[in-house]
C-alpha atoms as a PDB file:
ATOM      1  CA  MET A   1    -109.376 110.230 131.303  1.00  0.00           C
ATOM      2  CA  LEU A   2    -113.139 110.372 131.263  1.00  0.00           C
ATOM      3  CA  ILE A   3    -114.948 109.604 128.009  1.00  0.00           C
ATOM      4  CA  TRP A   4    -117.028 112.773 128.218  1.00  0.00           C
ATOM      5  CA  ILE A   5    -113.994 115.024 127.534  1.00  0.00           C
ATOM      6  CA  PRO A   6    -113.399 113.855 123.927  1.00  0.00           C
ATOM      7  CA  VAL A   7    -117.167 113.751 123.361  1.00  0.00           C
ATOM      8  CA  LEU A   8    -117.524 117.289 124.739  1.00  0.00           C
ATOM      9  CA  LEU A   9    -114.683 118.526 122.518  1.00  0.00           C
ATOM     10  CA  PHE A  10    -116.326 116.862 119.538  1.00  0.00           C
ATOM     11  CA  VAL A  11    -119.740 118.405 120.272  1.00  0.00           C
ATOM     12  CA  VAL A  12    -118.219 121.834 120.962  1.00  0.00           C
ATOM     13  CA  GLY A  13    -116.442 121.576 117.603  1.00  0.00           C
ATOM     14  CA  PHE A  14    -119.707 120.943 115.751  1.00  0.00           C
ATOM     15  CA  ILE A  15    -121.451 123.747 117.637  1.00  0.00           C
ATOM     16  CA  ALA A  16    -118.603 126.107 116.738  1.00  0.00           C
ATOM     17  CA  LEU A  17    -118.915 125.146 113.060  1.00  0.00           C
ATOM     18  CA  PHE A  18    -122.647 125.857 113.262  1.00  0.00           C
ATOM     19  CA  ILE A  19    -122.106 129.225 114.991  1.00  0.00           C
ATOM     20  CA  GLU A  20    -119.627 130.175 112.245  1.00  0.00           C
ATOM     21  CA  LEU A  21    -122.595 130.241 109.853  1.00  0.00           C
ATOM     22  CA  PHE A  22    -124.287 133.065 111.756  1.00  0.00           C
ATOM     23  CA  VAL A  23    -121.406 135.069 113.220  1.00  0.00           C
ATOM     24  CA  PRO A  24    -118.972 136.771 110.842  1.00  0.00           C
ATOM     25  CA  ALA A  25    -115.668 135.839 112.491  1.00  0.00           C
ATOM     26  CA  ALA A  26    -113.448 135.333 109.422  1.00  0.00           C
ATOM     27  CA  GLY A  27    -113.317 131.590 110.043  1.00  0.00           C
ATOM     28  CA  LEU A  28    -111.862 131.810 113.558  1.00  0.00           C
ATOM     29  CA  ILE A  29    -114.805 130.146 115.295  1.00  0.00           C
ATOM     30  CA  GLY A  30    -115.011 127.426 112.626  1.00  0.00           C
ATOM     31  CA  GLY A  31    -111.257 126.879 112.806  1.00  0.00           C
ATOM     32  CA  ALA A  32    -111.464 126.529 116.584  1.00  0.00           C
ATOM     33  CA  GLY A  33    -114.304 124.049 116.096  1.00  0.00           C
ATOM     34  CA  ILE A  34    -112.236 121.942 113.706  1.00  0.00           C
ATOM     35  CA  VAL A  35    -109.321 121.997 116.166  1.00  0.00           C
ATOM     36  CA  CYS A  36    -111.675 120.832 118.942  1.00  0.00           C
ATOM     37  CA  MET A  37    -112.910 117.963 116.775  1.00  0.00           C
ATOM     38  CA  ILE A  38    -109.348 116.933 115.907  1.00  0.00           C
ATOM     39  CA  VAL A  39    -108.268 117.049 119.561  1.00  0.00           C
ATOM     40  CA  GLY A  40    -111.346 115.019 120.555  1.00  0.00           C
ATOM     41  CA  THR A  41    -110.477 112.438 117.878  1.00  0.00           C
ATOM     42  CA  VAL A  42    -106.837 112.226 119.001  1.00  0.00           C
ATOM     43  CA  LEU A  43    -107.899 111.825 122.641  1.00  0.00           C
ATOM     44  CA  GLY A  44    -110.360 109.118 121.586  1.00  0.00           C
ATOM     45  CA  TYR A  45    -107.556 107.199 119.835  1.00  0.00           C
ATOM     46  CA  ARG A  46    -105.027 107.753 122.629  1.00  0.00           C
ATOM     47  CA  ASP A  47    -107.180 106.976 125.637  1.00  0.00           C
ATOM     48  CA  TYR A  48    -109.822 104.552 124.340  1.00  0.00           C
ATOM     49  CA  GLY A  49    -108.256 102.721 121.422  1.00  0.00           C
ATOM     50  CA  THR A  50    -108.868 102.432 117.736  1.00  0.00           C
ATOM     51  CA  THR A  51    -112.589 101.662 117.904  1.00  0.00           C
ATOM     52  CA  VAL A  52    -113.572 104.843 119.744  1.00  0.00           C
ATOM     53  CA  GLY A  53    -110.988 106.897 117.855  1.00  0.00           C
ATOM     54  CA  THR A  54    -112.290 105.601 114.532  1.00  0.00           C
ATOM     55  CA  LEU A  55    -115.844 106.519 115.544  1.00  0.00           C
ATOM     56  CA  PHE A  56    -114.718 110.071 116.287  1.00  0.00           C
ATOM     57  CA  LEU A  57    -112.734 110.211 113.029  1.00  0.00           C
ATOM     58  CA  THR A  58    -115.699 108.929 111.027  1.00  0.00           C
ATOM     59  CA  GLY A  59    -117.925 111.509 112.699  1.00  0.00           C
ATOM     60  CA  THR A  60    -115.446 114.233 111.811  1.00  0.00           C
ATOM     61  CA  LEU A  61    -115.046 113.098 108.197  1.00  0.00           C
ATOM     62  CA  ILE A  62    -118.799 112.805 107.659  1.00  0.00           C
ATOM     63  CA  GLY A  63    -119.967 115.634 109.898  1.00  0.00           C
ATOM     64  CA  THR A  64    -117.671 118.403 108.684  1.00  0.00           C
ATOM     65  CA  PRO A  65    -118.671 118.211 104.986  1.00  0.00           C
ATOM     66  CA  ALA A  66    -122.302 117.756 106.067  1.00  0.00           C
ATOM     67  CA  MET A  67    -122.053 120.906 108.171  1.00  0.00           C
ATOM     68  CA  ILE A  68    -120.515 122.777 105.228  1.00  0.00           C
ATOM     69  CA  VAL A  69    -123.357 121.667 102.919  1.00  0.00           C
ATOM     70  CA  ILE A  70    -125.948 122.636 105.523  1.00  0.00           C
ATOM     71  CA  GLY A  71    -124.160 125.949 105.941  1.00  0.00           C
ATOM     72  CA  LEU A  72    -124.301 126.649 102.218  1.00  0.00           C
ATOM     73  CA  LYS A  73    -128.053 126.000 102.299  1.00  0.00           C
ATOM     74  CA  VAL A  74    -128.733 127.969 105.514  1.00  0.00           C
ATOM     75  CA  PHE A  75    -126.280 130.888 105.068  1.00  0.00           C
ATOM     76  CA  PRO A  76    -128.279 132.797 102.410  1.00  0.00           C
ATOM     77  CA  LYS A  77    -131.244 132.906 104.823  1.00  0.00           C
ATOM     78  CA  THR A  78    -129.239 134.300 107.763  1.00  0.00           C
ATOM     79  CA  PHE A  79    -128.942 137.988 108.668  1.00  0.00           C
ATOM     80  CA  VAL A  80    -125.368 138.149 107.382  1.00  0.00           C
ATOM     81  CA  GLY A  81    -126.195 136.126 104.278  1.00  0.00           C
ATOM     82  CA  LYS A  82    -129.053 138.459 103.361  1.00  0.00           C
ATOM     83  CA  LYS A  83    -126.693 141.415 103.565  1.00  0.00           C
ATOM     84  CA  LEU A  84    -123.949 139.774 101.461  1.00  0.00           C
ATOM     85  CA  ILE A  85    -125.901 137.930  98.751  1.00  0.00           C
ATOM     86  CA  LEU A  86    -127.857 139.696  96.024  1.00  0.00           C
ATOM     87  CA  SER A  87    -131.439 138.492  96.306  1.00  0.00           C
ATOM     88  CA  PHE A  88    -132.768 139.652  92.940  1.00  0.00           C
ATOM     89  CA  SER A  89    -131.497 139.622  89.399  1.00  0.00           C
ATOM     90  CA  GLN A  90    -130.845 142.814  87.493  1.00  0.00           C
ATOM     91  CA  GLN A  91    -133.118 142.682  84.474  1.00  0.00           C
ATOM     92  CA  ARG A  92    -133.350 145.237  81.694  1.00  0.00           C
ATOM     93  CA  GLU A  93    -137.138 145.369  82.197  1.00  0.00           C
ATOM     94  CA  THR A  94    -136.659 146.680  85.753  1.00  0.00           C
ATOM     95  CA  GLY A  95    -134.367 149.486  84.636  1.00  0.00           C
ATOM     96  CA  PHE A  96    -130.905 147.922  84.827  1.00  0.00           C
ATOM     97  CA  THR A  97    -128.701 148.343  81.772  1.00  0.00           C
ATOM     98  CA  SER A  98    -125.111 147.633  80.973  1.00  0.00           C
ATOM     99  CA  TYR A  99    -123.078 150.444  79.511  1.00  0.00           C
ATOM    100  CA  THR A 100    -121.170 147.990  77.349  1.00  0.00           C
ATOM    101  CA  SER A 101    -124.230 146.221  75.963  1.00  0.00           C
ATOM    102  CA  GLU A 102    -125.698 149.491  74.690  1.00  0.00           C
ATOM    103  CA  ARG A 103    -122.360 150.768  73.440  1.00  0.00           C
ATOM    104  CA  TYR A 104    -121.668 147.729  71.256  1.00  0.00           C
ATOM    105  CA  GLU A 105    -125.245 147.158  70.100  1.00  0.00           C
ATOM    106  CA  GLY A 106    -125.639 147.201  66.312  1.00  0.00           C
ATOM    107  CA  LEU A 107    -121.900 147.310  65.526  1.00  0.00           C
ATOM    108  CA  GLU A 108    -121.793 144.032  63.652  1.00  0.00           C
ATOM    109  CA  GLY A 109    -121.389 144.643  59.908  1.00  0.00           C
ATOM    110  CA  GLU A 110    -120.406 148.308  60.328  1.00  0.00           C
ATOM    111  CA  GLU A 111    -117.271 149.700  58.670  1.00  0.00           C
ATOM    112  CA  GLY A 112    -114.510 151.852  60.098  1.00  0.00           C
ATOM    113  CA  GLU A 113    -110.803 152.612  59.981  1.00  0.00           C
ATOM    114  CA  ALA A 114    -107.853 151.257  61.959  1.00  0.00           C
ATOM    115  CA  LEU A 115    -106.411 154.052  64.116  1.00  0.00           C
ATOM    116  CA  THR A 116    -103.403 151.969  65.120  1.00  0.00           C
ATOM    117  CA  MET A 117    -101.682 148.948  63.664  1.00  0.00           C
ATOM    118  CA  LEU A 118    -103.801 145.930  64.581  1.00  0.00           C
ATOM    119  CA  ARG A 119    -101.460 143.096  65.545  1.00  0.00           C
ATOM    120  CA  PRO A 120    -103.954 141.588  66.276  1.00  0.00           C
ATOM    121  CA  SER A 121    -105.388 144.137  68.730  1.00  0.00           C
ATOM    122  CA  GLY A 122    -105.518 147.891  68.597  1.00  0.00           C
ATOM    123  CA  MET A 123    -107.872 150.834  68.156  1.00  0.00           C
ATOM    124  CA  ALA A 124    -110.321 151.602  65.360  1.00  0.00           C
ATOM    125  CA  THR A 125    -113.054 154.129  64.695  1.00  0.00           C
ATOM    126  CA  VAL A 126    -116.474 152.820  63.724  1.00  0.00           C
ATOM    127  CA  ASN A 127    -119.370 155.231  63.123  1.00  0.00           C
ATOM    128  CA  GLY A 128    -117.299 158.070  64.568  1.00  0.00           C
ATOM    129  CA  HIS A 129    -116.625 156.262  67.869  1.00  0.00           C
ATOM    130  CA  LYS A 130    -113.287 154.872  69.025  1.00  0.00           C
ATOM    131  CA  TYR A 131    -113.211 151.162  69.975  1.00  0.00           C
ATOM    132  CA  SER A 132    -110.650 148.672  71.177  1.00  0.00           C
ATOM    133  CA  VAL A 133    -110.748 145.943  68.537  1.00  0.00           C
ATOM    134  CA  VAL A 134    -109.076 142.650  67.660  1.00  0.00           C
ATOM    135  CA  THR A 135    -108.565 140.788  64.417  1.00  0.00           C
ATOM    136  CA  SER A 136    -108.783 137.069  63.807  1.00  0.00           C
ATOM    137  CA  GLY A 137    -104.994 136.913  63.878  1.00  0.00           C
ATOM    138  CA  GLU A 138    -104.106 138.966  60.817  1.00  0.00           C
ATOM    139  CA  LEU A 139    -101.948 142.088  60.865  1.00  0.00           C
ATOM    140  CA  ILE A 140    -103.766 145.208  59.677  1.00  0.00           C
ATOM    141  CA  GLU A 141    -101.915 148.437  58.960  1.00  0.00           C
ATOM    142  CA  LYS A 142    -102.927 151.793  60.416  1.00  0.00           C
ATOM    143  CA  GLY A 143    -105.419 153.623  58.202  1.00  0.00           C
ATOM    144  CA  THR A 144    -106.825 150.440  56.611  1.00  0.00           C
ATOM    145  CA  ARG A 145    -110.604 150.152  56.226  1.00  0.00           C
ATOM    146  CA  VAL A 146    -112.078 147.446  58.473  1.00  0.00           C
ATOM    147  CA  ARG A 147    -115.473 145.801  58.986  1.00  0.00           C
ATOM    148  CA  VAL A 148    -116.852 144.526  62.306  1.00  0.00           C
ATOM    149  CA  VAL A 149    -117.479 140.800  61.820  1.00  0.00           C
ATOM    150  CA  ARG A 150    -118.415 139.825  65.390  1.00  0.00           C
ATOM    151  CA  VAL A 151    -119.204 141.397  68.751  1.00  0.00           C
ATOM    152  CA  GLU A 152    -118.742 139.105  71.774  1.00  0.00           C
ATOM    153  CA  GLY A 153    -119.623 141.088  74.881  1.00  0.00           C
ATOM    154  CA  SER A 154    -117.134 143.958  74.788  1.00  0.00           C
ATOM    155  CA  ARG A 155    -114.814 142.188  72.333  1.00  0.00           C
ATOM    156  CA  VAL A 156    -115.100 143.679  68.848  1.00  0.00           C
ATOM    157  CA  VAL A 157    -113.628 141.493  66.084  1.00  0.00           C
ATOM    158  CA  VAL A 158    -112.770 143.218  62.798  1.00  0.00           C
ATOM    159  CA  ARG A 159    -111.498 142.139  59.390  1.00  0.00           C
ATOM    160  CA  ARG A 160    -109.757 144.104  56.629  1.00  0.00           C
ATOM    161  CA  ILE A 161    -111.993 145.309  53.807  1.00  0.00           C
ATOM    162  CA  LYS A 162    -110.328 144.330  50.547  1.00  0.00           C
ATOM    163  CA  SER A 163    -110.055 147.148  48.062  1.00  0.00           C
ATOM    164  CA  GLN A 164    -109.837 146.739  44.280  1.00  0.00           C
ATOM    165  CA  ASN A 165    -106.020 147.084  44.111  1.00  0.00           C
ATOM    166  CA  ASP A 166    -105.290 145.209  47.343  1.00  0.00           C
ATOM    167  CA  ASP A 167    -103.656 141.822  46.799  1.00  0.00           C
ATOM    168  CA  THR A 168    -103.053 141.109  50.500  1.00  0.00           C
ATOM    169  CA  PRO A 169    -104.862 137.916  51.509  1.00  0.00           C
ATOM    170  CA  SER A 170    -107.908 138.330  53.728  1.00  0.00           C
ATOM    171  CA  TRP A 171    -108.348 135.338  56.037  1.00  0.00           C
END
């Protein structure tokens, strides 16, 4: 067999991996390229011995990750990459807001009442609004007064408010 056949398969494999960066083909072109590189490597081993086969294998093992790294750098600048990747950040100053960030703003330290048994999660009303809340592991009965101790994103952590005649431990 002529030496140009494994070399051609190897080069076609790299070209196919490169084309995969620009053409949305669900990995089919890149997969075909990898198969071409593997077949070229096998033919190099079979027909020309371990030296040529090892050169092809080394090229495959170094070239494929290099092509992937190059692809990750080049892809955001391609036509398809520009359509798939968000190119700006959504800042509050430019008019973007999160419903949850506004909804939970200023809740820390507020008091409310457990609507359901909190074991450790459930529902509570705080300032007339209903929230999904969690405790720090304690069981809180329905109707018990609670205080918001922490707000972590949309996670509202509450603790029982001890009354004068309440001898239940508060953790």
